[in-house]
C-alpha cells in the first residue's frame, strides 16, 4: 500500500463517517490521483481551473471533482459541464455566471457560499449580510443547488481564534438553514478545515474537510 493510500485511510479512520474528505490534489501529478483512485477513492479538489480541466480529461469520469479555490467568472464555462461542487462562491456576479453556464449545460450545479470568517484581508468571502441578500432571491437561481457554506479560518497557531471562526460559520449555517432552507435537505454542508485544522473544524460541525499535504505530501508550488 502506498503512502498516499495509507494517508487517506488513516484520515478516514479518524473522522466521523458523516464527514466527507476531499483529497486536495492541486499541483500533484495525475499518477498520484490515479493511485488513490485505484484504491477506491474518488473525491478530489483542485483550485486552478486549467489544472482541473486537464485532470478531468485525463482521468476516469466517475471522479467527483470539487473546485475549492477562488473562481474567476470568465472561467466558469470550462468546469460547468462536469464539476460536482463549487466551494467558494464569493460574489453575486460569480453566482450569476454559474447559474448561466449551468443552464447552458442543462445542469444544476451544487454550490457553497463562501463566508469570510478570517481576520486576514487576503481571504475571499461574502459577509453574512451579503450572503443573506442572495438567499432572499435564491429561487431566481434555477440552475443552482445551494448546498451549504464554506469558510477558511485565519492562518494562525491560536486555536481559540480558529475555533471561534469555525463556530461563527456553524452559527451562520444554522441561521440560514432555519430562515431559508428549513424544508430543503440539499442545504446541509459546512466545508471548513484543512490539513492543519480539520480536527478543530469537525469539532465545530464541519461536514466537508479539504486535506492535501497530509495525503499527498508538501505542495509543489508552480
N, C-alpha and C. Protein backbone atom coordinates (compact mmCIF):
# COMPACT_ATOMS: atom_id res chain seq x y z
N UNK A 1 0.85 -1.20 0.00
CA UNK A 1 0.00 0.00 0.00
C UNK A 1 0.88 1.26 0.00
N UNK A 2 0.59 2.18 -0.91
CA UNK A 2 1.40 3.38 -1.00
C UNK A 2 1.12 4.33 0.17
N UNK A 3 2.02 5.30 0.35
CA UNK A 3 1.82 6.30 1.40
C UNK A 3 0.53 7.07 1.18
N UNK A 4 0.22 7.38 -0.08
CA UNK A 4 -0.99 8.16 -0.37
C UNK A 4 -2.23 7.41 0.12
N UNK A 5 -2.32 6.15 -0.23
CA UNK A 5 -3.49 5.35 0.18
C UNK A 5 -3.53 5.19 1.70
N UNK A 6 -2.37 4.95 2.30
CA UNK A 6 -2.30 4.82 3.76
C UNK A 6 -2.75 6.10 4.45
N UNK A 7 -2.32 7.24 3.89
CA UNK A 7 -2.69 8.53 4.49
C UNK A 7 -4.20 8.78 4.40
N UNK A 8 -4.79 8.45 3.26
CA UNK A 8 -6.24 8.61 3.12
C UNK A 8 -6.96 7.71 4.12
N UNK A 9 -6.55 6.46 4.19
CA UNK A 9 -7.21 5.52 5.09
C UNK A 9 -7.08 5.95 6.55
N UNK A 10 -5.94 6.50 6.91
CA UNK A 10 -5.72 6.96 8.29
C UNK A 10 -6.69 8.09 8.64
N UNK A 11 -6.84 9.05 7.73
CA UNK A 11 -7.76 10.16 7.99
C UNK A 11 -9.20 9.66 8.04
N UNK A 12 -9.56 8.77 7.13
CA UNK A 12 -10.93 8.24 7.11
C UNK A 12 -11.26 7.51 8.41
N UNK A 13 -10.27 6.86 8.98
CA UNK A 13 -10.49 6.16 10.25
C UNK A 13 -10.66 7.13 11.41
N UNK A 14 -10.07 8.32 11.28
CA UNK A 14 -10.09 9.31 12.37
C UNK A 14 -11.36 10.14 12.39
N UNK A 15 -11.97 10.33 11.23
CA UNK A 15 -13.09 11.27 11.15
C UNK A 15 -14.43 10.53 11.16
N UNK A 16 -15.48 11.21 11.59
CA UNK A 16 -16.81 10.58 11.57
C UNK A 16 -17.22 10.21 10.14
N UNK A 17 -18.02 9.19 10.01
CA UNK A 17 -18.49 8.76 8.69
C UNK A 17 -19.37 9.83 8.04
N UNK A 18 -19.90 10.72 8.83
CA UNK A 18 -20.74 11.79 8.29
C UNK A 18 -19.94 12.92 7.64
N UNK A 19 -18.63 12.89 7.83
CA UNK A 19 -17.77 13.94 7.28
C UNK A 19 -17.13 13.46 5.98
N UNK A 20 -17.23 14.29 4.94
CA UNK A 20 -16.65 13.95 3.63
C UNK A 20 -15.23 14.48 3.54
N UNK A 21 -14.32 13.63 3.11
CA UNK A 21 -12.92 14.02 2.91
C UNK A 21 -12.70 14.34 1.44
N UNK A 22 -12.30 15.57 1.15
CA UNK A 22 -11.89 15.95 -0.20
C UNK A 22 -10.36 15.90 -0.23
N UNK A 23 -9.82 15.00 -1.05
CA UNK A 23 -8.37 14.90 -1.20
C UNK A 23 -7.91 16.00 -2.15
N UNK A 24 -7.22 16.99 -1.60
CA UNK A 24 -6.83 18.16 -2.38
C UNK A 24 -5.58 17.83 -3.19
N UNK A 25 -5.80 17.70 -4.49
CA UNK A 25 -4.74 17.19 -5.38
C UNK A 25 -4.07 18.29 -6.19
N UNK A 26 -4.31 19.55 -5.84
CA UNK A 26 -3.73 20.66 -6.60
C UNK A 26 -2.21 20.55 -6.62
N UNK A 27 -1.66 20.81 -7.77
CA UNK A 27 -0.22 20.75 -8.08
C UNK A 27 0.34 19.33 -8.11
N UNK A 28 -0.47 18.34 -7.81
CA UNK A 28 0.02 16.97 -7.76
C UNK A 28 -0.17 16.29 -9.12
N UNK A 29 0.74 15.37 -9.48
CA UNK A 29 0.65 14.72 -10.78
C UNK A 29 -0.54 13.77 -10.87
N UNK A 30 -0.95 13.52 -12.10
CA UNK A 30 -2.08 12.64 -12.36
C UNK A 30 -1.85 11.25 -11.77
N UNK A 31 -0.61 10.79 -11.81
CA UNK A 31 -0.32 9.44 -11.30
C UNK A 31 -0.63 9.32 -9.82
N UNK A 32 -0.46 10.39 -9.05
CA UNK A 32 -0.79 10.35 -7.62
C UNK A 32 -2.30 10.21 -7.41
N UNK A 33 -3.06 10.95 -8.22
CA UNK A 33 -4.52 10.84 -8.12
C UNK A 33 -4.97 9.45 -8.53
N UNK A 34 -4.35 8.93 -9.58
CA UNK A 34 -4.71 7.59 -10.08
C UNK A 34 -4.40 6.53 -9.02
N UNK A 35 -3.33 6.72 -8.26
CA UNK A 35 -3.01 5.79 -7.17
C UNK A 35 -4.14 5.73 -6.16
N UNK A 36 -4.63 6.91 -5.76
CA UNK A 36 -5.74 6.96 -4.81
C UNK A 36 -7.02 6.40 -5.44
N UNK A 37 -7.25 6.73 -6.68
CA UNK A 37 -8.45 6.25 -7.38
C UNK A 37 -8.45 4.73 -7.48
N UNK A 38 -7.32 4.16 -7.84
CA UNK A 38 -7.24 2.70 -7.99
C UNK A 38 -7.48 1.98 -6.68
N UNK A 39 -7.25 2.70 -5.56
CA UNK A 39 -7.52 2.12 -4.24
C UNK A 39 -8.96 2.36 -3.80
N UNK A 40 -9.73 3.03 -4.66
CA UNK A 40 -11.14 3.20 -4.36
C UNK A 40 -11.57 4.59 -3.95
N UNK A 41 -10.61 5.57 -3.95
CA UNK A 41 -11.00 6.91 -3.52
C UNK A 41 -11.30 7.79 -4.73
N UNK A 42 -12.42 8.55 -4.67
CA UNK A 42 -12.89 9.23 -5.88
C UNK A 42 -13.29 10.68 -5.67
N UNK A 43 -12.91 11.30 -4.56
CA UNK A 43 -13.30 12.69 -4.31
C UNK A 43 -12.04 13.55 -4.22
N UNK A 44 -11.88 14.45 -5.20
CA UNK A 44 -10.66 15.25 -5.28
C UNK A 44 -10.98 16.73 -5.46
N UNK A 45 -10.10 17.58 -4.94
CA UNK A 45 -10.30 19.02 -5.02
C UNK A 45 -9.15 19.71 -5.71
N UNK A 46 -9.47 20.67 -6.55
CA UNK A 46 -8.49 21.48 -7.26
C UNK A 46 -8.83 22.96 -7.08
N UNK A 47 -7.81 23.81 -7.21
CA UNK A 47 -8.07 25.25 -7.05
C UNK A 47 -7.73 26.07 -8.28
N UNK A 48 -7.27 25.45 -9.36
CA UNK A 48 -6.98 26.13 -10.61
C UNK A 48 -7.80 25.49 -11.72
N UNK A 49 -8.50 26.31 -12.48
CA UNK A 49 -9.42 25.78 -13.48
C UNK A 49 -8.71 24.96 -14.54
N UNK A 50 -7.60 25.48 -15.10
CA UNK A 50 -6.93 24.77 -16.18
C UNK A 50 -6.42 23.41 -15.71
N UNK A 51 -5.87 23.38 -14.50
CA UNK A 51 -5.38 22.12 -13.94
C UNK A 51 -6.54 21.15 -13.71
N UNK A 52 -7.65 21.66 -13.23
CA UNK A 52 -8.82 20.82 -13.00
C UNK A 52 -9.32 20.23 -14.32
N UNK A 53 -9.41 21.04 -15.35
CA UNK A 53 -9.88 20.56 -16.66
C UNK A 53 -8.94 19.51 -17.22
N UNK A 54 -7.64 19.76 -17.12
CA UNK A 54 -6.67 18.79 -17.63
C UNK A 54 -6.79 17.44 -16.93
N UNK A 55 -6.96 17.48 -15.62
CA UNK A 55 -7.06 16.25 -14.86
C UNK A 55 -8.40 15.55 -15.13
N UNK A 56 -9.45 16.31 -15.26
CA UNK A 56 -10.75 15.72 -15.61
C UNK A 56 -10.65 14.97 -16.93
N UNK A 57 -10.01 15.58 -17.91
CA UNK A 57 -9.92 14.97 -19.24
C UNK A 57 -9.04 13.72 -19.23
N UNK A 58 -8.09 13.65 -18.29
CA UNK A 58 -7.11 12.57 -18.29
C UNK A 58 -7.47 11.40 -17.39
N UNK A 59 -8.47 11.59 -16.53
CA UNK A 59 -8.77 10.59 -15.51
C UNK A 59 -10.19 10.03 -15.68
N UNK A 60 -10.50 8.92 -14.99
CA UNK A 60 -11.84 8.32 -15.12
C UNK A 60 -12.96 9.30 -14.79
N UNK A 61 -14.08 9.13 -15.47
CA UNK A 61 -15.15 10.11 -15.39
C UNK A 61 -16.08 9.93 -14.20
N UNK A 62 -15.85 8.91 -13.36
CA UNK A 62 -16.68 8.79 -12.16
C UNK A 62 -16.05 9.47 -10.95
N UNK A 63 -14.98 10.23 -11.18
CA UNK A 63 -14.39 11.02 -10.09
C UNK A 63 -15.31 12.20 -9.77
N UNK A 64 -15.44 12.49 -8.49
CA UNK A 64 -16.22 13.64 -8.01
C UNK A 64 -15.26 14.80 -7.82
N UNK A 65 -15.31 15.77 -8.74
CA UNK A 65 -14.37 16.89 -8.72
C UNK A 65 -14.97 18.08 -7.97
N UNK A 66 -14.19 18.62 -7.03
CA UNK A 66 -14.59 19.81 -6.30
C UNK A 66 -13.67 20.96 -6.68
N UNK A 67 -14.26 22.11 -7.01
CA UNK A 67 -13.49 23.33 -7.23
C UNK A 67 -13.43 24.07 -5.91
N UNK A 68 -12.24 24.11 -5.30
CA UNK A 68 -12.14 24.62 -3.94
C UNK A 68 -11.52 26.01 -3.86
N UNK A 69 -10.94 26.50 -4.96
CA UNK A 69 -10.25 27.78 -4.90
C UNK A 69 -11.11 28.93 -5.38
N UNK A 70 -10.55 30.13 -5.31
CA UNK A 70 -11.22 31.32 -5.83
C UNK A 70 -11.45 31.12 -7.33
N UNK A 71 -12.68 31.31 -7.76
CA UNK A 71 -13.07 31.03 -9.14
C UNK A 71 -13.37 32.34 -9.86
N UNK A 72 -12.65 32.57 -10.96
CA UNK A 72 -12.90 33.75 -11.78
C UNK A 72 -14.13 33.53 -12.65
N UNK A 73 -14.92 34.56 -12.79
CA UNK A 73 -16.18 34.45 -13.53
C UNK A 73 -15.96 33.95 -14.95
N UNK A 74 -14.91 34.44 -15.62
CA UNK A 74 -14.71 34.08 -17.03
C UNK A 74 -14.22 32.65 -17.23
N UNK A 75 -13.99 31.92 -16.14
CA UNK A 75 -13.51 30.54 -16.27
C UNK A 75 -14.57 29.50 -15.86
N UNK A 76 -15.73 29.98 -15.44
CA UNK A 76 -16.78 29.05 -15.01
C UNK A 76 -17.16 28.11 -16.14
N UNK A 77 -17.21 28.61 -17.36
CA UNK A 77 -17.68 27.82 -18.50
C UNK A 77 -16.86 26.55 -18.73
N UNK A 78 -15.60 26.57 -18.30
CA UNK A 78 -14.74 25.41 -18.55
C UNK A 78 -15.05 24.23 -17.62
N UNK A 79 -15.56 24.52 -16.44
CA UNK A 79 -15.83 23.45 -15.48
C UNK A 79 -17.31 23.14 -15.32
N UNK A 80 -18.15 24.01 -15.86
CA UNK A 80 -19.60 23.83 -15.70
C UNK A 80 -20.13 22.49 -16.20
N UNK A 81 -19.53 21.90 -17.25
CA UNK A 81 -20.08 20.62 -17.72
C UNK A 81 -19.92 19.45 -16.76
N UNK A 82 -18.98 19.55 -15.81
CA UNK A 82 -18.67 18.34 -15.03
C UNK A 82 -18.45 18.54 -13.54
N UNK A 83 -18.21 19.74 -13.06
CA UNK A 83 -17.83 19.92 -11.66
C UNK A 83 -18.95 19.43 -10.73
N UNK A 84 -18.57 18.77 -9.64
CA UNK A 84 -19.56 18.25 -8.70
C UNK A 84 -20.00 19.27 -7.66
N UNK A 85 -19.03 20.06 -7.18
CA UNK A 85 -19.33 21.05 -6.14
C UNK A 85 -18.36 22.20 -6.26
N UNK A 86 -18.89 23.42 -6.27
CA UNK A 86 -18.07 24.63 -6.23
C UNK A 86 -18.12 25.17 -4.81
N UNK A 87 -16.96 25.18 -4.15
CA UNK A 87 -16.91 25.52 -2.72
C UNK A 87 -16.94 27.02 -2.45
N UNK A 88 -16.37 27.80 -3.36
CA UNK A 88 -16.03 29.17 -2.99
C UNK A 88 -16.79 30.21 -3.79
N UNK A 89 -18.11 30.20 -3.69
CA UNK A 89 -18.91 31.23 -4.35
C UNK A 89 -18.88 32.47 -3.47
N UNK A 90 -18.11 33.47 -3.91
CA UNK A 90 -17.83 34.61 -3.04
C UNK A 90 -18.39 35.93 -3.57
N UNK A 91 -19.27 35.86 -4.59
CA UNK A 91 -19.90 37.09 -5.08
C UNK A 91 -21.18 36.75 -5.83
N UNK A 92 -22.06 37.71 -5.90
CA UNK A 92 -23.29 37.54 -6.66
C UNK A 92 -22.97 37.40 -8.15
N UNK A 93 -21.98 38.16 -8.61
CA UNK A 93 -21.58 38.09 -10.02
C UNK A 93 -21.16 36.67 -10.40
N UNK A 94 -20.38 36.04 -9.54
CA UNK A 94 -19.95 34.67 -9.80
C UNK A 94 -21.13 33.72 -9.80
N UNK A 95 -22.03 33.88 -8.85
CA UNK A 95 -23.20 33.01 -8.77
C UNK A 95 -24.06 33.14 -10.03
N UNK A 96 -24.21 34.37 -10.51
CA UNK A 96 -24.99 34.59 -11.74
C UNK A 96 -24.37 33.84 -12.92
N UNK A 97 -23.05 33.87 -13.00
CA UNK A 97 -22.37 33.21 -14.11
C UNK A 97 -22.47 31.68 -14.00
N UNK A 98 -22.35 31.16 -12.79
CA UNK A 98 -22.51 29.71 -12.60
C UNK A 98 -23.90 29.29 -13.02
N UNK A 99 -24.89 30.07 -12.62
CA UNK A 99 -26.27 29.76 -12.99
C UNK A 99 -26.44 29.76 -14.52
N UNK A 100 -25.85 30.75 -15.17
CA UNK A 100 -25.93 30.87 -16.63
C UNK A 100 -25.26 29.69 -17.33
N UNK A 101 -24.07 29.32 -16.87
CA UNK A 101 -23.34 28.23 -17.52
C UNK A 101 -23.97 26.87 -17.20
N UNK A 102 -24.53 26.74 -16.02
CA UNK A 102 -25.24 25.50 -15.68
C UNK A 102 -26.44 25.31 -16.59
N UNK A 103 -27.15 26.40 -16.84
CA UNK A 103 -28.31 26.32 -17.74
C UNK A 103 -27.89 25.91 -19.14
N UNK A 104 -26.78 26.47 -19.61
CA UNK A 104 -26.27 26.12 -20.94
C UNK A 104 -25.95 24.64 -21.05
N UNK A 105 -25.51 24.06 -19.94
CA UNK A 105 -25.13 22.64 -19.92
C UNK A 105 -26.25 21.74 -19.43
N UNK A 106 -27.44 22.33 -19.28
CA UNK A 106 -28.61 21.56 -18.84
C UNK A 106 -28.33 20.84 -17.51
N UNK A 107 -27.71 21.59 -16.60
CA UNK A 107 -27.35 21.03 -15.29
C UNK A 107 -27.84 21.93 -14.18
N UNK A 108 -27.90 21.37 -12.98
CA UNK A 108 -27.95 22.14 -11.74
C UNK A 108 -26.63 21.88 -11.04
N UNK A 109 -25.94 22.94 -10.67
CA UNK A 109 -24.61 22.81 -10.08
C UNK A 109 -24.69 23.07 -8.57
N UNK A 110 -24.12 22.17 -7.81
CA UNK A 110 -24.05 22.32 -6.35
C UNK A 110 -23.04 23.40 -5.99
N UNK A 111 -23.44 24.32 -5.13
CA UNK A 111 -22.58 25.44 -4.74
C UNK A 111 -22.63 25.67 -3.23
N UNK A 112 -21.50 26.12 -2.71
CA UNK A 112 -21.41 26.59 -1.33
C UNK A 112 -21.13 28.08 -1.36
N UNK A 113 -21.81 28.84 -0.54
CA UNK A 113 -21.49 30.26 -0.39
C UNK A 113 -20.31 30.38 0.57
N UNK A 114 -19.26 31.07 0.12
CA UNK A 114 -18.09 31.27 0.98
C UNK A 114 -18.31 32.49 1.86
N UNK A 115 -18.27 32.26 3.17
CA UNK A 115 -18.43 33.33 4.14
C UNK A 115 -17.05 33.72 4.67
N UNK A 116 -16.78 35.01 4.71
CA UNK A 116 -15.47 35.47 5.20
C UNK A 116 -15.47 35.44 6.73
N UNK A 117 -14.74 34.47 7.27
CA UNK A 117 -14.66 34.34 8.73
C UNK A 117 -13.28 34.70 9.26
N UNK A 118 -12.27 34.73 8.37
CA UNK A 118 -10.90 35.01 8.80
C UNK A 118 -10.69 36.50 9.00
N UNK A 119 -9.69 36.81 9.80
CA UNK A 119 -9.33 38.21 10.03
C UNK A 119 -8.36 38.72 8.96
N UNK A 120 -7.90 37.85 8.08
CA UNK A 120 -6.92 38.25 7.06
C UNK A 120 -7.61 38.91 5.87
N UNK A 121 -7.04 40.02 5.42
CA UNK A 121 -7.62 40.74 4.29
C UNK A 121 -7.50 39.95 2.99
N UNK A 122 -6.52 39.05 2.92
CA UNK A 122 -6.29 38.30 1.68
C UNK A 122 -7.33 37.22 1.44
N UNK A 123 -8.10 36.88 2.45
CA UNK A 123 -9.11 35.83 2.31
C UNK A 123 -10.36 36.39 1.60
N UNK A 124 -10.90 35.58 0.70
CA UNK A 124 -12.12 35.95 0.00
C UNK A 124 -13.34 35.55 0.85
N UNK A 125 -14.50 36.03 0.42
CA UNK A 125 -15.72 35.59 1.08
C UNK A 125 -16.77 36.68 1.16
N UNK A 126 -18.02 36.24 1.27
CA UNK A 126 -19.15 37.14 1.44
C UNK A 126 -19.32 37.51 2.91
N UNK A 127 -19.84 38.68 3.17
CA UNK A 127 -20.28 38.98 4.53
C UNK A 127 -21.59 38.21 4.76
N UNK A 128 -21.96 38.05 6.00
CA UNK A 128 -23.21 37.37 6.32
C UNK A 128 -24.39 38.12 5.69
N UNK A 129 -24.34 39.44 5.74
CA UNK A 129 -25.43 40.24 5.18
C UNK A 129 -25.54 40.06 3.67
N UNK A 130 -24.39 40.05 2.99
CA UNK A 130 -24.41 39.88 1.53
C UNK A 130 -24.93 38.49 1.15
N UNK A 131 -24.50 37.48 1.90
CA UNK A 131 -24.98 36.12 1.64
C UNK A 131 -26.49 36.04 1.85
N UNK A 132 -26.96 36.73 2.88
CA UNK A 132 -28.39 36.70 3.18
C UNK A 132 -29.19 37.36 2.07
N UNK A 133 -28.67 38.42 1.50
CA UNK A 133 -29.37 39.08 0.39
C UNK A 133 -29.50 38.15 -0.81
N UNK A 134 -28.45 37.35 -1.06
CA UNK A 134 -28.51 36.37 -2.14
C UNK A 134 -29.58 35.33 -1.84
N UNK A 135 -29.62 34.85 -0.62
CA UNK A 135 -30.57 33.79 -0.28
C UNK A 135 -32.01 34.27 -0.31
N UNK A 136 -32.21 35.53 -0.09
CA UNK A 136 -33.57 36.07 -0.19
C UNK A 136 -34.09 35.97 -1.63
N UNK A 137 -33.16 35.85 -2.58
CA UNK A 137 -33.52 35.74 -4.00
C UNK A 137 -33.15 34.37 -4.56
N UNK A 138 -32.98 33.39 -3.70
CA UNK A 138 -32.46 32.08 -4.13
C UNK A 138 -33.32 31.40 -5.18
N UNK A 139 -34.61 31.66 -5.17
CA UNK A 139 -35.50 30.99 -6.13
C UNK A 139 -35.31 31.47 -7.56
N UNK A 140 -34.56 32.57 -7.72
CA UNK A 140 -34.29 33.04 -9.08
C UNK A 140 -33.14 32.26 -9.73
N UNK A 141 -32.41 31.50 -8.93
CA UNK A 141 -31.27 30.73 -9.45
C UNK A 141 -31.73 29.30 -9.72
N UNK A 142 -32.34 29.12 -10.86
CA UNK A 142 -32.97 27.83 -11.18
C UNK A 142 -31.96 26.70 -11.39
N UNK A 143 -30.73 27.05 -11.72
CA UNK A 143 -29.73 26.03 -12.03
C UNK A 143 -28.64 25.92 -10.97
N UNK A 144 -28.93 26.47 -9.80
CA UNK A 144 -28.03 26.38 -8.65
C UNK A 144 -28.69 25.53 -7.57
N UNK A 145 -27.93 24.61 -7.01
CA UNK A 145 -28.35 23.92 -5.79
C UNK A 145 -27.53 24.49 -4.65
N UNK A 146 -28.17 25.23 -3.78
CA UNK A 146 -27.47 25.79 -2.62
C UNK A 146 -27.25 24.65 -1.62
N UNK A 147 -26.00 24.23 -1.50
CA UNK A 147 -25.67 23.03 -0.72
C UNK A 147 -25.16 23.34 0.69
N UNK A 148 -24.82 24.61 0.96
CA UNK A 148 -24.32 24.95 2.28
C UNK A 148 -23.34 26.10 2.22
N UNK A 149 -22.43 26.11 3.19
CA UNK A 149 -21.48 27.21 3.34
C UNK A 149 -20.05 26.68 3.38
N UNK A 150 -19.11 27.56 3.05
CA UNK A 150 -17.68 27.26 3.14
C UNK A 150 -16.97 28.42 3.81
N UNK A 151 -15.91 28.12 4.54
CA UNK A 151 -15.12 29.18 5.15
C UNK A 151 -13.70 28.73 5.42
N UNK A 152 -12.80 29.71 5.44
CA UNK A 152 -11.39 29.45 5.74
C UNK A 152 -11.00 30.27 6.96
N UNK A 153 -10.45 29.58 7.96
CA UNK A 153 -10.03 30.26 9.18
C UNK A 153 -8.73 31.02 8.95
N UNK A 154 -8.46 31.94 9.86
CA UNK A 154 -7.20 32.67 9.83
C UNK A 154 -6.02 31.71 9.95
N UNK A 155 -4.96 31.98 9.23
CA UNK A 155 -3.74 31.17 9.31
C UNK A 155 -2.96 31.58 10.56
N UNK A 156 -3.25 30.90 11.65
CA UNK A 156 -2.66 31.26 12.94
C UNK A 156 -2.49 30.01 13.80
N UNK A 157 -1.61 30.10 14.77
CA UNK A 157 -1.45 29.00 15.73
C UNK A 157 -2.40 29.14 16.92
N UNK A 158 -3.18 30.20 16.93
CA UNK A 158 -4.11 30.46 18.02
C UNK A 158 -5.37 29.61 17.83
N UNK A 159 -5.43 28.48 18.51
CA UNK A 159 -6.55 27.56 18.34
C UNK A 159 -7.87 28.16 18.78
N UNK A 160 -7.83 29.01 19.78
CA UNK A 160 -9.07 29.63 20.25
C UNK A 160 -9.67 30.52 19.16
N UNK A 161 -8.81 31.23 18.46
CA UNK A 161 -9.30 32.08 17.37
C UNK A 161 -9.89 31.23 16.24
N UNK A 162 -9.19 30.15 15.89
CA UNK A 162 -9.68 29.26 14.83
C UNK A 162 -11.03 28.67 15.22
N UNK A 163 -11.13 28.18 16.45
CA UNK A 163 -12.39 27.61 16.92
C UNK A 163 -13.51 28.64 16.87
N UNK A 164 -13.20 29.87 17.25
CA UNK A 164 -14.20 30.94 17.25
C UNK A 164 -14.69 31.21 15.82
N UNK A 165 -13.76 31.20 14.86
CA UNK A 165 -14.14 31.46 13.47
C UNK A 165 -14.96 30.31 12.90
N UNK A 166 -14.58 29.09 13.23
CA UNK A 166 -15.37 27.94 12.77
C UNK A 166 -16.77 27.96 13.40
N UNK A 167 -16.85 28.33 14.66
CA UNK A 167 -18.15 28.41 15.32
C UNK A 167 -19.02 29.48 14.66
N UNK A 168 -18.39 30.57 14.27
CA UNK A 168 -19.12 31.64 13.57
C UNK A 168 -19.76 31.09 12.29
N UNK A 169 -19.00 30.28 11.55
CA UNK A 169 -19.55 29.72 10.32
C UNK A 169 -20.69 28.74 10.62
N UNK A 170 -20.52 27.92 11.64
CA UNK A 170 -21.57 26.98 12.02
C UNK A 170 -22.84 27.72 12.43
N UNK A 171 -22.68 28.77 13.21
CA UNK A 171 -23.84 29.55 13.65
C UNK A 171 -24.55 30.21 12.46
N UNK A 172 -23.76 30.68 11.50
CA UNK A 172 -24.34 31.28 10.30
C UNK A 172 -25.10 30.23 9.50
N UNK A 173 -24.52 29.03 9.40
CA UNK A 173 -25.20 27.93 8.71
C UNK A 173 -26.55 27.65 9.38
N UNK A 174 -26.57 27.56 10.69
CA UNK A 174 -27.82 27.26 11.40
C UNK A 174 -28.86 28.36 11.15
N UNK A 175 -28.41 29.60 11.15
CA UNK A 175 -29.31 30.73 10.91
C UNK A 175 -29.93 30.63 9.52
N UNK A 176 -29.08 30.38 8.51
CA UNK A 176 -29.57 30.28 7.13
C UNK A 176 -30.46 29.06 6.94
N UNK A 177 -30.09 27.97 7.58
CA UNK A 177 -30.89 26.75 7.47
C UNK A 177 -32.31 27.01 8.00
N UNK A 178 -32.38 27.63 9.15
CA UNK A 178 -33.68 27.92 9.77
C UNK A 178 -34.50 28.89 8.93
N UNK A 179 -33.85 29.94 8.45
CA UNK A 179 -34.58 31.02 7.79
C UNK A 179 -34.91 30.76 6.32
N UNK A 180 -34.06 29.97 5.64
CA UNK A 180 -34.22 29.84 4.18
C UNK A 180 -34.33 28.40 3.67
N UNK A 181 -33.94 27.43 4.48
CA UNK A 181 -33.89 26.05 3.98
C UNK A 181 -34.48 25.05 4.96
N UNK A 182 -35.43 25.47 5.74
CA UNK A 182 -35.99 24.60 6.78
C UNK A 182 -36.53 23.29 6.20
N UNK A 183 -37.09 23.35 5.01
CA UNK A 183 -37.67 22.15 4.39
C UNK A 183 -36.85 21.67 3.19
N UNK A 184 -35.60 22.11 3.11
CA UNK A 184 -34.75 21.77 1.96
C UNK A 184 -33.57 20.93 2.44
N UNK A 185 -33.55 19.67 2.04
CA UNK A 185 -32.49 18.76 2.51
C UNK A 185 -31.18 18.97 1.78
N UNK A 186 -31.18 19.74 0.69
CA UNK A 186 -29.93 19.96 -0.05
C UNK A 186 -28.96 20.83 0.72
N UNK A 187 -29.49 21.77 1.50
CA UNK A 187 -28.63 22.70 2.24
C UNK A 187 -28.17 22.02 3.53
N UNK A 188 -27.01 21.37 3.45
CA UNK A 188 -26.59 20.52 4.57
C UNK A 188 -25.09 20.54 4.84
N UNK A 189 -24.29 21.19 3.96
CA UNK A 189 -22.84 21.07 4.07
C UNK A 189 -22.19 22.30 4.68
N UNK A 190 -21.17 22.05 5.50
CA UNK A 190 -20.30 23.10 6.01
C UNK A 190 -18.87 22.68 5.69
N UNK A 191 -18.30 23.33 4.69
CA UNK A 191 -16.94 23.00 4.27
C UNK A 191 -15.95 23.88 5.01
N UNK A 192 -15.32 23.30 6.02
CA UNK A 192 -14.29 24.04 6.75
C UNK A 192 -13.30 23.04 7.35
N UNK A 193 -12.05 23.44 7.35
CA UNK A 193 -10.99 22.58 7.88
C UNK A 193 -10.09 22.04 6.78
N UNK A 194 -8.78 22.23 7.00
CA UNK A 194 -7.76 21.74 6.08
C UNK A 194 -6.75 20.91 6.86
N UNK A 195 -5.60 20.62 6.25
CA UNK A 195 -4.65 19.71 6.88
C UNK A 195 -4.29 20.11 8.30
N UNK A 196 -4.14 21.43 8.53
CA UNK A 196 -3.67 21.87 9.83
C UNK A 196 -4.75 22.06 10.89
N UNK A 197 -6.01 22.09 10.46
CA UNK A 197 -7.05 22.44 11.45
C UNK A 197 -8.34 21.64 11.29
N UNK A 198 -8.30 20.53 10.52
CA UNK A 198 -9.56 19.83 10.25
C UNK A 198 -10.18 19.22 11.51
N UNK A 199 -9.36 18.83 12.47
CA UNK A 199 -9.94 18.26 13.69
C UNK A 199 -10.70 19.34 14.48
N UNK A 200 -10.16 20.55 14.49
CA UNK A 200 -10.87 21.66 15.13
C UNK A 200 -12.17 21.95 14.39
N UNK A 201 -12.11 21.89 13.06
CA UNK A 201 -13.30 22.17 12.25
C UNK A 201 -14.39 21.14 12.51
N UNK A 202 -14.01 19.88 12.57
CA UNK A 202 -15.00 18.83 12.82
C UNK A 202 -15.65 19.02 14.19
N UNK A 203 -14.86 19.47 15.15
CA UNK A 203 -15.42 19.69 16.50
C UNK A 203 -16.47 20.80 16.50
N UNK A 204 -16.43 21.65 15.47
CA UNK A 204 -17.38 22.76 15.38
C UNK A 204 -18.45 22.53 14.32
N UNK A 205 -18.55 21.29 13.82
CA UNK A 205 -19.67 20.97 12.94
C UNK A 205 -19.36 20.82 11.47
N UNK A 206 -18.09 20.81 11.08
CA UNK A 206 -17.76 20.66 9.66
C UNK A 206 -18.29 19.34 9.12
N UNK A 207 -18.79 19.37 7.86
CA UNK A 207 -19.23 18.15 7.19
C UNK A 207 -18.33 17.80 6.00
N UNK A 208 -17.48 18.75 5.59
CA UNK A 208 -16.52 18.51 4.50
C UNK A 208 -15.18 19.10 4.91
N UNK A 209 -14.13 18.28 4.84
CA UNK A 209 -12.78 18.78 5.09
C UNK A 209 -11.97 18.67 3.82
N UNK A 210 -11.04 19.62 3.64
CA UNK A 210 -10.22 19.70 2.44
C UNK A 210 -8.77 19.45 2.83
N UNK A 211 -8.27 18.27 2.54
CA UNK A 211 -6.95 17.87 3.04
C UNK A 211 -6.03 17.53 1.87
N UNK A 212 -4.88 18.20 1.82
CA UNK A 212 -3.93 17.97 0.74
C UNK A 212 -2.60 17.43 1.20
N UNK A 213 -1.84 18.23 1.94
CA UNK A 213 -0.47 17.87 2.28
C UNK A 213 -0.39 16.62 3.16
N UNK A 214 -1.37 16.39 4.00
CA UNK A 214 -1.35 15.19 4.84
C UNK A 214 -1.60 13.92 4.03
N UNK A 215 -2.09 14.08 2.81
CA UNK A 215 -2.32 12.94 1.92
C UNK A 215 -1.21 12.80 0.90
N UNK A 216 -0.93 13.88 0.19
CA UNK A 216 0.00 13.81 -0.95
C UNK A 216 1.40 14.31 -0.64
N UNK A 217 1.62 14.83 0.56
CA UNK A 217 2.91 15.43 0.87
C UNK A 217 2.88 16.92 0.63
N UNK A 218 3.97 17.58 0.91
CA UNK A 218 4.02 19.04 0.80
C UNK A 218 3.72 19.48 -0.62
N UNK A 219 3.06 20.62 -0.73
CA UNK A 219 2.66 21.14 -2.02
C UNK A 219 3.86 21.55 -2.84
N UNK A 220 3.76 21.31 -4.15
CA UNK A 220 4.75 21.82 -5.08
C UNK A 220 4.21 23.10 -5.65
N UNK A 221 4.94 24.20 -5.47
CA UNK A 221 4.46 25.49 -5.96
C UNK A 221 4.85 25.67 -7.40
N UNK A 222 3.83 25.94 -8.24
CA UNK A 222 4.10 26.14 -9.66
C UNK A 222 3.40 27.41 -10.15
